[in-house]
Amino acid sequence: MSDQTASAFRRRAALPLLLICLVALGPALAFAVGSLLAPYEGDHGLAGFFGAIGADALRGEPVAWILLLSPTLVVALWWLLFRLVWPRRASDAQSPSD
């Protein structure tokens, strides 16, 4: 396997893990900040909080989806901003010849 193929495979393999971490980040931060303001009233602490948000998301609650997807949207917007401000040069996009 060439270096370019291995690098592309690692990027594709890392994407689902990154998305899972980003989806977990929003509720975890909301729980942490909420715990500073008032204790969580539900059962099982953080796990119960994730369960409640997951159940709300499965029922199609927009607030749950916003909370779950907000970190991913922030990362996507940052990526888009950097791509627009510093676009890749054509010479960088071409693969090196063997």
PDB file of N, CA and C in Angstrom:
ATOM      1  N   MET A   1       0.856  -1.177   0.000  1.00  0.00           N
ATOM      2  CA  MET A   1       0.000   0.000   0.000  1.00  0.00           C
ATOM      3  C   MET A   1       0.900   1.238   0.000  1.00  0.00           C
ATOM      4  N   SER A   2       0.638   2.157  -0.910  1.00  0.00           N
ATOM      5  CA  SER A   2       1.459   3.357  -1.008  1.00  0.00           C
ATOM      6  C   SER A   2       1.155   4.303   0.150  1.00  0.00           C
ATOM      7  N   ASP A   3       2.041   5.272   0.339  1.00  0.00           N
ATOM      8  CA  ASP A   3       1.853   6.247   1.419  1.00  0.00           C
ATOM      9  C   ASP A   3       0.588   7.061   1.216  1.00  0.00           C
ATOM     10  N   GLN A   4       0.286   7.418  -0.034  1.00  0.00           N
ATOM     11  CA  GLN A   4      -0.919   8.210  -0.299  1.00  0.00           C
ATOM     12  C   GLN A   4      -2.175   7.396  -0.010  1.00  0.00           C
ATOM     13  N   THR A   5      -2.167   6.124  -0.362  1.00  0.00           N
ATOM     14  CA  THR A   5      -3.317   5.261  -0.108  1.00  0.00           C
ATOM     15  C   THR A   5      -3.510   5.063   1.388  1.00  0.00           C
ATOM     16  N   ALA A   6      -2.415   4.846   2.115  1.00  0.00           N
ATOM     17  CA  ALA A   6      -2.502   4.660   3.565  1.00  0.00           C
ATOM     18  C   ALA A   6      -2.992   5.930   4.245  1.00  0.00           C
ATOM     19  N   SER A   7      -2.517   7.065   3.769  1.00  0.00           N
ATOM     20  CA  SER A   7      -2.948   8.344   4.346  1.00  0.00           C
ATOM     21  C   SER A   7      -4.436   8.580   4.098  1.00  0.00           C
ATOM     22  N   ALA A   8      -4.893   8.289   2.904  1.00  0.00           N
ATOM     23  CA  ALA A   8      -6.315   8.452   2.582  1.00  0.00           C
ATOM     24  C   ALA A   8      -7.163   7.498   3.418  1.00  0.00           C
ATOM     25  N   PHE A   9      -6.689   6.286   3.623  1.00  0.00           N
ATOM     26  CA  PHE A   9      -7.417   5.317   4.435  1.00  0.00           C
ATOM     27  C   PHE A   9      -7.518   5.791   5.884  1.00  0.00           C
ATOM     28  N   ARG A  10      -6.417   6.324   6.432  1.00  0.00           N
ATOM     29  CA  ARG A  10      -6.436   6.818   7.812  1.00  0.00           C
ATOM     30  C   ARG A  10      -7.407   7.976   7.962  1.00  0.00           C
ATOM     31  N   ARG A  11      -7.446   8.876   6.972  1.00  0.00           N
ATOM     32  CA  ARG A  11      -8.385   9.997   7.037  1.00  0.00           C
ATOM     33  C   ARG A  11      -9.820   9.510   7.014  1.00  0.00           C
ATOM     34  N   ARG A  12     -10.111   8.544   6.150  1.00  0.00           N
ATOM     35  CA  ARG A  12     -11.487   8.005   6.076  1.00  0.00           C
ATOM     36  C   ARG A  12     -11.848   7.235   7.337  1.00  0.00           C
ATOM     37  N   ALA A  13     -10.893   6.542   7.930  1.00  0.00           N
ATOM     38  CA  ALA A  13     -11.159   5.776   9.148  1.00  0.00           C
ATOM     39  C   ALA A  13     -11.335   6.702  10.346  1.00  0.00           C
ATOM     40  N   ALA A  14     -10.663   7.840  10.343  1.00  0.00           N
ATOM     41  CA  ALA A  14     -10.744   8.771  11.468  1.00  0.00           C
ATOM     42  C   ALA A  14     -12.027   9.599  11.443  1.00  0.00           C
ATOM     43  N   LEU A  15     -12.645   9.748  10.292  1.00  0.00           N
ATOM     44  CA  LEU A  15     -13.831  10.593  10.183  1.00  0.00           C
ATOM     45  C   LEU A  15     -14.987  10.126  11.071  1.00  0.00           C
ATOM     46  N   PRO A  16     -15.369   8.835  11.072  1.00  0.00           N
ATOM     47  CA  PRO A  16     -16.461   8.427  11.976  1.00  0.00           C
ATOM     48  C   PRO A  16     -16.133   8.652  13.446  1.00  0.00           C
ATOM     49  N   LEU A  17     -14.890   8.407  13.838  1.00  0.00           N
ATOM     50  CA  LEU A  17     -14.487   8.639  15.226  1.00  0.00           C
ATOM     51  C   LEU A  17     -14.573  10.119  15.577  1.00  0.00           C
ATOM     52  N   LEU A  18     -14.141  10.972  14.676  1.00  0.00           N
ATOM     53  CA  LEU A  18     -14.232  12.412  14.899  1.00  0.00           C
ATOM     54  C   LEU A  18     -15.681  12.854  15.033  1.00  0.00           C
ATOM     55  N   LEU A  19     -16.554  12.355  14.179  1.00  0.00           N
ATOM     56  CA  LEU A  19     -17.970  12.721  14.255  1.00  0.00           C
ATOM     57  C   LEU A  19     -18.611  12.261  15.551  1.00  0.00           C
ATOM     58  N   ILE A  20     -18.269  11.063  16.018  1.00  0.00           N
ATOM     59  CA  ILE A  20     -18.807  10.567  17.285  1.00  0.00           C
ATOM     60  C   ILE A  20     -18.342  11.457  18.433  1.00  0.00           C
ATOM     61  N   CYS A  21     -17.072  11.822  18.428  1.00  0.00           N
ATOM     62  CA  CYS A  21     -16.553  12.690  19.489  1.00  0.00           C
ATOM     63  C   CYS A  21     -17.218  14.062  19.452  1.00  0.00           C
ATOM     64  N   LEU A  22     -17.414  14.610  18.266  1.00  0.00           N
ATOM     65  CA  LEU A  22     -18.045  15.921  18.166  1.00  0.00           C
ATOM     66  C   LEU A  22     -19.499  15.880  18.598  1.00  0.00           C
ATOM     67  N   VAL A  23     -20.210  14.810  18.258  1.00  0.00           N
ATOM     68  CA  VAL A  23     -21.611  14.689  18.658  1.00  0.00           C
ATOM     69  C   VAL A  23     -21.709  14.535  20.180  1.00  0.00           C
ATOM     70  N   ALA A  24     -20.750  13.871  20.803  1.00  0.00           N
ATOM     71  CA  ALA A  24     -20.763  13.705  22.258  1.00  0.00           C
ATOM     72  C   ALA A  24     -20.339  14.974  22.978  1.00  0.00           C
ATOM     73  N   LEU A  25     -19.600  15.843  22.312  1.00  0.00           N
ATOM     74  CA  LEU A  25     -19.066  17.040  22.960  1.00  0.00           C
ATOM     75  C   LEU A  25     -20.157  18.022  23.373  1.00  0.00           C
ATOM     76  N   GLY A  26     -21.126  18.272  22.523  1.00  0.00           N
ATOM     77  CA  GLY A  26     -22.179  19.241  22.827  1.00  0.00           C
ATOM     78  C   GLY A  26     -22.967  18.894  24.075  1.00  0.00           C
ATOM     79  N   PRO A  27     -23.528  17.679  24.154  1.00  0.00           N
ATOM     80  CA  PRO A  27     -24.256  17.309  25.367  1.00  0.00           C
ATOM     81  C   PRO A  27     -23.374  17.271  26.616  1.00  0.00           C
ATOM     82  N   ALA A  28     -22.113  16.829  26.476  1.00  0.00           N
ATOM     83  CA  ALA A  28     -21.228  16.775  27.639  1.00  0.00           C
ATOM     84  C   ALA A  28     -20.961  18.179  28.177  1.00  0.00           C
ATOM     85  N   LEU A  29     -20.728  19.140  27.278  1.00  0.00           N
ATOM     86  CA  LEU A  29     -20.524  20.519  27.729  1.00  0.00           C
ATOM     87  C   LEU A  29     -21.796  21.104  28.331  1.00  0.00           C
ATOM     88  N   ALA A  30     -22.950  20.805  27.730  1.00  0.00           N
ATOM     89  CA  ALA A  30     -24.217  21.289  28.280  1.00  0.00           C
ATOM     90  C   ALA A  30     -24.453  20.710  29.673  1.00  0.00           C
ATOM     91  N   PHE A  31     -24.120  19.440  29.866  1.00  0.00           N
ATOM     92  CA  PHE A  31     -24.279  18.819  31.171  1.00  0.00           C
ATOM     93  C   PHE A  31     -23.345  19.459  32.194  1.00  0.00           C
ATOM     94  N   ALA A  32     -22.077  19.684  31.798  1.00  0.00           N
ATOM     95  CA  ALA A  32     -21.101  20.262  32.722  1.00  0.00           C
ATOM     96  C   ALA A  32     -21.512  21.674  33.143  1.00  0.00           C
ATOM     97  N   VAL A  33     -21.897  22.500  32.179  1.00  0.00           N
ATOM     98  CA  VAL A  33     -22.308  23.863  32.499  1.00  0.00           C
ATOM     99  C   VAL A  33     -23.592  23.848  33.320  1.00  0.00           C
ATOM    100  N   GLY A  34     -24.526  23.008  32.946  1.00  0.00           N
ATOM    101  CA  GLY A  34     -25.770  22.900  33.701  1.00  0.00           C
ATOM    102  C   GLY A  34     -25.546  22.425  35.119  1.00  0.00           C
ATOM    103  N   SER A  35     -24.567  21.539  35.318  1.00  0.00           N
ATOM    104  CA  SER A  35     -24.268  21.049  36.668  1.00  0.00           C
ATOM    105  C   SER A  35     -23.687  22.142  37.552  1.00  0.00           C
ATOM    106  N   LEU A  36     -23.007  23.088  36.940  1.00  0.00           N
ATOM    107  CA  LEU A  36     -22.488  24.222  37.710  1.00  0.00           C
ATOM    108  C   LEU A  36     -23.621  25.125  38.180  1.00  0.00           C
ATOM    109  N   LEU A  37     -24.654  25.249  37.371  1.00  0.00           N
ATOM    110  CA  LEU A  37     -25.774  26.124  37.703  1.00  0.00           C
ATOM    111  C   LEU A  37     -26.763  25.458  38.648  1.00  0.00           C
ATOM    112  N   ALA A  38     -27.081  24.198  38.409  1.00  0.00           N
ATOM    113  CA  ALA A  38     -28.020  23.452  39.246  1.00  0.00           C
ATOM    114  C   ALA A  38     -27.782  21.964  39.000  1.00  0.00           C
ATOM    115  N   PRO A  39     -27.973  21.128  39.989  1.00  0.00           N
ATOM    116  CA  PRO A  39     -27.756  19.689  39.772  1.00  0.00           C
ATOM    117  C   PRO A  39     -28.766  19.118  38.781  1.00  0.00           C
ATOM    118  N   TYR A  40     -28.321  18.129  38.024  1.00  0.00           N
ATOM    119  CA  TYR A  40     -29.185  17.468  37.051  1.00  0.00           C
ATOM    120  C   TYR A  40     -30.231  16.655  37.803  1.00  0.00           C
ATOM    121  N   GLU A  41     -31.489  16.825  37.445  1.00  0.00           N
ATOM    122  CA  GLU A  41     -32.599  16.194  38.157  1.00  0.00           C
ATOM    123  C   GLU A  41     -32.870  14.765  37.708  1.00  0.00           C
ATOM    124  N   GLY A  42     -32.348  14.365  36.565  1.00  0.00           N
ATOM    125  CA  GLY A  42     -32.643  13.031  36.043  1.00  0.00           C
ATOM    126  C   GLY A  42     -31.843  11.939  36.716  1.00  0.00           C
ATOM    127  N   ASP A  43     -32.138  10.710  36.329  1.00  0.00           N
ATOM    128  CA  ASP A  43     -31.427   9.548  36.873  1.00  0.00           C
ATOM    129  C   ASP A  43     -30.126   9.320  36.124  1.00  0.00           C
ATOM    130  N   HIS A  44     -29.169   8.738  36.792  1.00  0.00           N
ATOM    131  CA  HIS A  44     -27.920   8.227  36.216  1.00  0.00           C
ATOM    132  C   HIS A  44     -26.967   9.299  35.705  1.00  0.00           C
ATOM    133  N   GLY A  45     -27.082  10.518  36.141  1.00  0.00           N
ATOM    134  CA  GLY A  45     -26.111  11.557  35.814  1.00  0.00           C
ATOM    135  C   GLY A  45     -25.930  11.800  34.325  1.00  0.00           C
ATOM    136  N   LEU A  46     -24.670  11.803  33.885  1.00  0.00           N
ATOM    137  CA  LEU A  46     -24.349  12.104  32.488  1.00  0.00           C
ATOM    138  C   LEU A  46     -24.947  11.065  31.536  1.00  0.00           C
ATOM    139  N   ALA A  47     -24.920   9.799  31.934  1.00  0.00           N
ATOM    140  CA  ALA A  47     -25.495   8.751  31.072  1.00  0.00           C
ATOM    141  C   ALA A  47     -26.996   8.971  30.885  1.00  0.00           C
ATOM    142  N   GLY A  48     -27.688   9.355  31.939  1.00  0.00           N
ATOM    143  CA  GLY A  48     -29.115   9.639  31.826  1.00  0.00           C
ATOM    144  C   GLY A  48     -29.380  10.849  30.956  1.00  0.00           C
ATOM    145  N   PHE A  49     -28.492  11.843  31.056  1.00  0.00           N
ATOM    146  CA  PHE A  49     -28.615  13.044  30.221  1.00  0.00           C
ATOM    147  C   PHE A  49     -28.464  12.687  28.743  1.00  0.00           C
ATOM    148  N   PHE A  50     -27.440  11.863  28.431  1.00  0.00           N
ATOM    149  CA  PHE A  50     -27.260  11.412  27.046  1.00  0.00           C
ATOM    150  C   PHE A  50     -28.457  10.600  26.576  1.00  0.00           C
ATOM    151  N   GLY A  51     -28.986   9.757  27.451  1.00  0.00           N
ATOM    152  CA  GLY A  51     -30.157   8.957  27.097  1.00  0.00           C
ATOM    153  C   GLY A  51     -31.373   9.816  26.799  1.00  0.00           C
ATOM    154  N   ALA A  52     -31.572  10.852  27.619  1.00  0.00           N
ATOM    155  CA  ALA A  52     -32.716  11.748  27.406  1.00  0.00           C
ATOM    156  C   ALA A  52     -32.574  12.508  26.088  1.00  0.00           C
ATOM    157  N   ILE A  53     -31.357  12.975  25.789  1.00  0.00           N
ATOM    158  CA  ILE A  53     -31.133  13.697  24.534  1.00  0.00           C
ATOM    159  C   ILE A  53     -31.292  12.758  23.342  1.00  0.00           C
ATOM    160  N   GLY A  54     -30.781  11.536  23.478  1.00  0.00           N
ATOM    161  CA  GLY A  54     -30.942  10.556  22.402  1.00  0.00           C
ATOM    162  C   GLY A  54     -32.398  10.227  22.141  1.00  0.00           C
ATOM    163  N   ALA A  55     -33.167  10.068  23.208  1.00  0.00           N
ATOM    164  CA  ALA A  55     -34.595   9.779  23.050  1.00  0.00           C
ATOM    165  C   ALA A  55     -35.304  10.963  22.386  1.00  0.00           C
ATOM    166  N   ASP A  56     -34.954  12.178  22.797  1.00  0.00           N
ATOM    167  CA  ASP A  56     -35.553  13.363  22.168  1.00  0.00           C
ATOM    168  C   ASP A  56     -35.174  13.455  20.692  1.00  0.00           C
ATOM    169  N   ALA A  57     -33.934  13.131  20.368  1.00  0.00           N
ATOM    170  CA  ALA A  57     -33.495  13.177  18.970  1.00  0.00           C
ATOM    171  C   ALA A  57     -34.251  12.141  18.132  1.00  0.00           C
ATOM    172  N   LEU A  58     -34.470  10.961  18.701  1.00  0.00           N
ATOM    173  CA  LEU A  58     -35.219   9.931  17.973  1.00  0.00           C
ATOM    174  C   LEU A  58     -36.674  10.334  17.758  1.00  0.00           C
ATOM    175  N   ARG A  59     -37.209  11.142  18.657  1.00  0.00           N
ATOM    176  CA  ARG A  59     -38.577  11.649  18.476  1.00  0.00           C
ATOM    177  C   ARG A  59     -38.615  12.845  17.534  1.00  0.00           C
ATOM    178  N   GLY A  60     -37.446  13.318  17.106  1.00  0.00           N
ATOM    179  CA  GLY A  60     -37.398  14.414  16.145  1.00  0.00           C
ATOM    180  C   GLY A  60     -37.440  15.804  16.763  1.00  0.00           C
ATOM    181  N   GLU A  61     -37.061  15.922  18.026  1.00  0.00           N
ATOM    182  CA  GLU A  61     -37.045  17.228  18.686  1.00  0.00           C
ATOM    183  C   GLU A  61     -35.904  18.088  18.108  1.00  0.00           C
ATOM    184  N   PRO A  62     -36.227  19.267  17.573  1.00  0.00           N
ATOM    185  CA  PRO A  62     -35.189  20.107  16.960  1.00  0.00           C
ATOM    186  C   PRO A  62     -34.098  20.545  17.937  1.00  0.00           C
ATOM    187  N   VAL A  63     -34.460  20.812  19.183  1.00  0.00           N
ATOM    188  CA  VAL A  63     -33.460  21.260  20.154  1.00  0.00           C
ATOM    189  C   VAL A  63     -32.422  20.172  20.408  1.00  0.00           C
ATOM    190  N   ALA A  64     -32.845  18.923  20.462  1.00  0.00           N
ATOM    191  CA  ALA A  64     -31.912  17.817  20.658  1.00  0.00           C
ATOM    192  C   ALA A  64     -30.955  17.709  19.473  1.00  0.00           C
ATOM    193  N   TRP A  65     -31.483  17.847  18.267  1.00  0.00           N
ATOM    194  CA  TRP A  65     -30.627  17.772  17.076  1.00  0.00           C
ATOM    195  C   TRP A  65     -29.645  18.934  17.028  1.00  0.00           C
ATOM    196  N   ILE A  66     -30.084  20.118  17.412  1.00  0.00           N
ATOM    197  CA  ILE A  66     -29.180  21.274  17.442  1.00  0.00           C
ATOM    198  C   ILE A  66     -28.068  21.031  18.445  1.00  0.00           C
ATOM    199  N   LEU A  67     -28.420  20.518  19.619  1.00  0.00           N
ATOM    200  CA  LEU A  67     -27.411  20.239  20.643  1.00  0.00           C
ATOM    201  C   LEU A  67     -26.434  19.169  20.174  1.00  0.00           C
ATOM    202  N   LEU A  68     -26.923  18.144  19.521  1.00  0.00           N
ATOM    203  CA  LEU A  68     -26.045  17.066  19.050  1.00  0.00           C
ATOM    204  C   LEU A  68     -25.143  17.501  17.903  1.00  0.00           C
ATOM    205  N   LEU A  69     -25.657  18.320  17.006  1.00  0.00           N
ATOM    206  CA  LEU A  69     -24.900  18.660  15.792  1.00  0.00           C
ATOM    207  C   LEU A  69     -24.129  19.971  15.884  1.00  0.00           C
ATOM    208  N   SER A  70     -24.341  20.762  16.926  1.00  0.00           N
ATOM    209  CA  SER A  70     -23.705  22.085  16.983  1.00  0.00           C
ATOM    210  C   SER A  70     -22.175  22.026  16.952  1.00  0.00           C
ATOM    211  N   PRO A  71     -21.487  21.137  17.687  1.00  0.00           N
ATOM    212  CA  PRO A  71     -20.019  21.115  17.567  1.00  0.00           C
ATOM    213  C   PRO A  71     -19.561  20.731  16.161  1.00  0.00           C
ATOM    214  N   THR A  72     -20.260  19.806  15.522  1.00  0.00           N
ATOM    215  CA  THR A  72     -19.898  19.404  14.164  1.00  0.00           C
ATOM    216  C   THR A  72     -20.091  20.565  13.190  1.00  0.00           C
ATOM    217  N   LEU A  73     -21.167  21.326  13.361  1.00  0.00           N
ATOM    218  CA  LEU A  73     -21.408  22.480  12.496  1.00  0.00           C
ATOM    219  C   LEU A  73     -20.349  23.556  12.706  1.00  0.00           C
ATOM    220  N   VAL A  74     -19.907  23.752  13.941  1.00  0.00           N
ATOM    221  CA  VAL A  74     -18.849  24.731  14.215  1.00  0.00           C
ATOM    222  C   VAL A  74     -17.563  24.323  13.510  1.00  0.00           C
ATOM    223  N   VAL A  75     -17.187  23.059  13.619  1.00  0.00           N
ATOM    224  CA  VAL A  75     -15.971  22.577  12.947  1.00  0.00           C
ATOM    225  C   VAL A  75     -16.105  22.710  11.438  1.00  0.00           C
ATOM    226  N   ALA A  76     -17.264  22.367  10.890  1.00  0.00           N
ATOM    227  CA  ALA A  76     -17.471  22.485   9.441  1.00  0.00           C
ATOM    228  C   ALA A  76     -17.390  23.935   8.984  1.00  0.00           C
ATOM    229  N   LEU A  77     -17.961  24.850   9.753  1.00  0.00           N
ATOM    230  CA  LEU A  77     -17.890  26.266   9.389  1.00  0.00           C
ATOM    231  C   LEU A  77     -16.467  26.795   9.468  1.00  0.00           C
ATOM    232  N   TRP A  78     -15.699  26.383  10.488  1.00  0.00           N
ATOM    233  CA  TRP A  78     -14.295  26.785  10.577  1.00  0.00           C
ATOM    234  C   TRP A  78     -13.511  26.255   9.380  1.00  0.00           C
ATOM    235  N   TRP A  79     -13.755  24.978   9.027  1.00  0.00           N
ATOM    236  CA  TRP A  79     -13.055  24.395   7.891  1.00  0.00           C
ATOM    237  C   TRP A  79     -13.377  25.172   6.616  1.00  0.00           C
ATOM    238  N   LEU A  80     -14.653  25.489   6.412  1.00  0.00           N
ATOM    239  CA  LEU A  80     -15.064  26.236   5.231  1.00  0.00           C
ATOM    240  C   LEU A  80     -14.436  27.623   5.217  1.00  0.00           C
ATOM    241  N   LEU A  81     -14.425  28.283   6.363  1.00  0.00           N
ATOM    242  CA  LEU A  81     -13.815  29.611   6.453  1.00  0.00           C
ATOM    243  C   LEU A  81     -12.343  29.568   6.065  1.00  0.00           C
ATOM    244  N   PHE A  82     -11.595  28.602   6.602  1.00  0.00           N
ATOM    245  CA  PHE A  82     -10.181  28.499   6.276  1.00  0.00           C
ATOM    246  C   PHE A  82      -9.950  28.134   4.821  1.00  0.00           C
ATOM    247  N   ARG A  83     -10.833  27.308   4.245  1.00  0.00           N
ATOM    248  CA  ARG A  83     -10.699  26.967   2.830  1.00  0.00           C
ATOM    249  C   ARG A  83     -10.958  28.183   1.943  1.00  0.00           C
ATOM    250  N   LEU A  84     -11.880  29.052   2.363  1.00  0.00           N
ATOM    251  CA  LEU A  84     -12.170  30.247   1.575  1.00  0.00           C
ATOM    252  C   LEU A  84     -11.080  31.302   1.722  1.00  0.00           C
ATOM    253  N   VAL A  85     -10.541  31.443   2.922  1.00  0.00           N
ATOM    254  CA  VAL A  85      -9.525  32.460   3.161  1.00  0.00           C
ATOM    255  C   VAL A  85      -8.174  32.027   2.603  1.00  0.00           C
ATOM    256  N   TRP A  86      -7.815  30.762   2.814  1.00  0.00           N
ATOM    257  CA  TRP A  86      -6.539  30.246   2.327  1.00  0.00           C
ATOM    258  C   TRP A  86      -6.775  29.053   1.411  1.00  0.00           C
ATOM    259  N   PRO A  87      -7.212  29.302   0.173  1.00  0.00           N
ATOM    260  CA  PRO A  87      -7.461  28.167  -0.734  1.00  0.00           C
ATOM    261  C   PRO A  87      -6.151  27.472  -1.105  1.00  0.00           C
ATOM    262  N   ARG A  88      -6.264  26.190  -1.409  1.00  0.00           N
ATOM    263  CA  ARG A  88      -5.078  25.435  -1.826  1.00  0.00           C
ATOM    264  C   ARG A  88      -4.654  25.896  -3.209  1.00  0.00           C
ATOM    265  N   ARG A  89      -3.362  25.972  -3.385  1.00  0.00           N
ATOM    266  CA  ARG A  89      -2.846  26.308  -4.714  1.00  0.00           C
ATOM    267  C   ARG A  89      -2.935  25.086  -5.614  1.00  0.00           C
ATOM    268  N   ALA A  90      -3.040  25.314  -6.907  1.00  0.00           N
ATOM    269  CA  ALA A  90      -3.153  24.210  -7.870  1.00  0.00           C
ATOM    270  C   ALA A  90      -1.944  23.292  -7.784  1.00  0.00           C
ATOM    271  N   SER A  91      -0.765  23.835  -7.523  1.00  0.00           N
ATOM    272  CA  SER A  91       0.441  23.003  -7.430  1.00  0.00           C
ATOM    273  C   SER A  91       0.395  22.086  -6.204  1.00  0.00           C
ATOM    274  N   ASP A  92      -0.293  22.518  -5.115  1.00  0.00           N
ATOM    275  CA  ASP A  92      -0.421  21.683  -3.918  1.00  0.00           C
ATOM    276  C   ASP A  92      -1.408  20.546  -4.131  1.00  0.00           C
ATOM    277  N   ALA A  93      -2.420  20.766  -4.949  1.00  0.00           N
ATOM    278  CA  ALA A  93      -3.476  19.777  -5.154  1.00  0.00           C
ATOM    279  C   ALA A  93      -3.031  18.635  -6.058  1.00  0.00           C
ATOM    280  N   GLN A  94      -2.011  18.862  -6.908  1.00  0.00           N
ATOM    281  CA  GLN A  94      -1.562  17.822  -7.815  1.00  0.00           C
ATOM    282  C   GLN A  94      -0.731  16.803  -7.061  1.00  0.00           C
ATOM    283  N   SER A  95      -0.899  15.547  -7.400  1.00  0.00           N
ATOM    284  CA  SER A  95      -0.096  14.506  -6.755  1.00  0.00           C
ATOM    285  C   SER A  95       1.285  14.484  -7.389  1.00  0.00           C
ATOM    286  N   PRO A  96       2.301  14.189  -6.574  1.00  0.00           N
ATOM    287  CA  PRO A  96       3.654  14.137  -7.122  1.00  0.00           C
ATOM    288  C   PRO A  96       3.803  12.968  -8.084  1.00  0.00           C
ATOM    289  N   SER A  97       4.531  13.177  -9.133  1.00  0.00           N
ATOM    290  CA  SER A  97       4.730  12.107 -10.121  1.00  0.00           C
ATOM    291  C   SER A  97       5.853  11.193  -9.661  1.00  0.00           C
ATOM    292  N   ASP A  98       5.734   9.928 -10.018  1.00  0.00           N
ATOM    293  CA  ASP A  98       6.761   8.929  -9.620  1.00  0.00           C
ATOM    294  C   ASP A  98       7.897   8.915 -10.580  1.00  0.00           C
TER     295      ASP A  98
END
